[in-house]
Amino acid sequence: MYKRSLYIIVFIVGFTVFAAIAGVIYIADNYTIKNVDVLGSTHYTTKEIEDMVMTDSFCHNSMFLAAKYRNKSIEDVPFVEKIDVDIVSKDTVEINVYEKAIAGYIAYLGRYMYFDREGIVVESSLEASDDVPQVMGLDIAHVVLHEKLPIDEDHRGVFEQILNVTQLLDKHELHADKIFFDDDYNLYLYFGGVEVSLGKADFIDEKIMQLPHILPSLEGKTGILNLEEYNEDNKITQFEPKNQGIVSE
């Protein structure tokens, strides 16, 4: 009886171990992630996002990944609000990146301070972004992370204006090197050697809409493109080359 019981126990243990090994092999063979779709990321490459989510070899298994990120998002990533992980199928994962709505950045004490449409500083970085323009000309005495940039109440709307301009430029596939405001809050955009004078916020959509048609003809040139008076009734644009006369169109 003792030997029979021992054989039964050994058999059960052996079968359990065998089943466990077989299960592990089956899961490893059938739930290995082969396809990763990254959506919504502009600041980071697909590979960088994958590395943030799939941090070790276990994370390349969809069952493990599903358990790890069930009802959980990845946060505390610069320029990103959160990252969600969805298991589409046993070998396919979808990673959704929700980026912060950054309007622009200013240089401050050797760092680049990124702010949103309300003027709240959302990130501090040692690197300047290629996707977000630098904003210059704002009279800002100090900067505190996660607080509003100190600017007088009469001009609080300037931050939303900056985001609007940034989004319009992105819509028309344009990248301004920087955005500049003078003392009267007239707006200027810089594309290489071309300074675009837009004036106030009036007809800003229509003004920026003209840039994809005008800027290619000014490539390599240096001067001022004046769109301050451009509106639905006045379609004339003027480009004044540096140290030369005015050219009207």
Foldseek 3Di string as FASTA:
>chain_A
DVVVVVVVVVVVVVVVVVVVVVVVVCQCVQQFADAEAEPDDDQDDPVVVCCVQQVDPVCRGLVSSCVVQPVHWDDPDPQWHTKHWDDPDSHYIYIYTHGALWLAWEDDPQWIFTAHLQQAGADIGNDHDQLGAYEDAADFDDHDHRGHGDDDPVCSNVSNVSSVLSVLCVVVVHGFNHWYAHPVGFIWTHDPQEIEGQGDPPPVSVQSVCCVVPVVVQPPFHFYWYCNPPDPVDPKIWTQGPPHGIDID
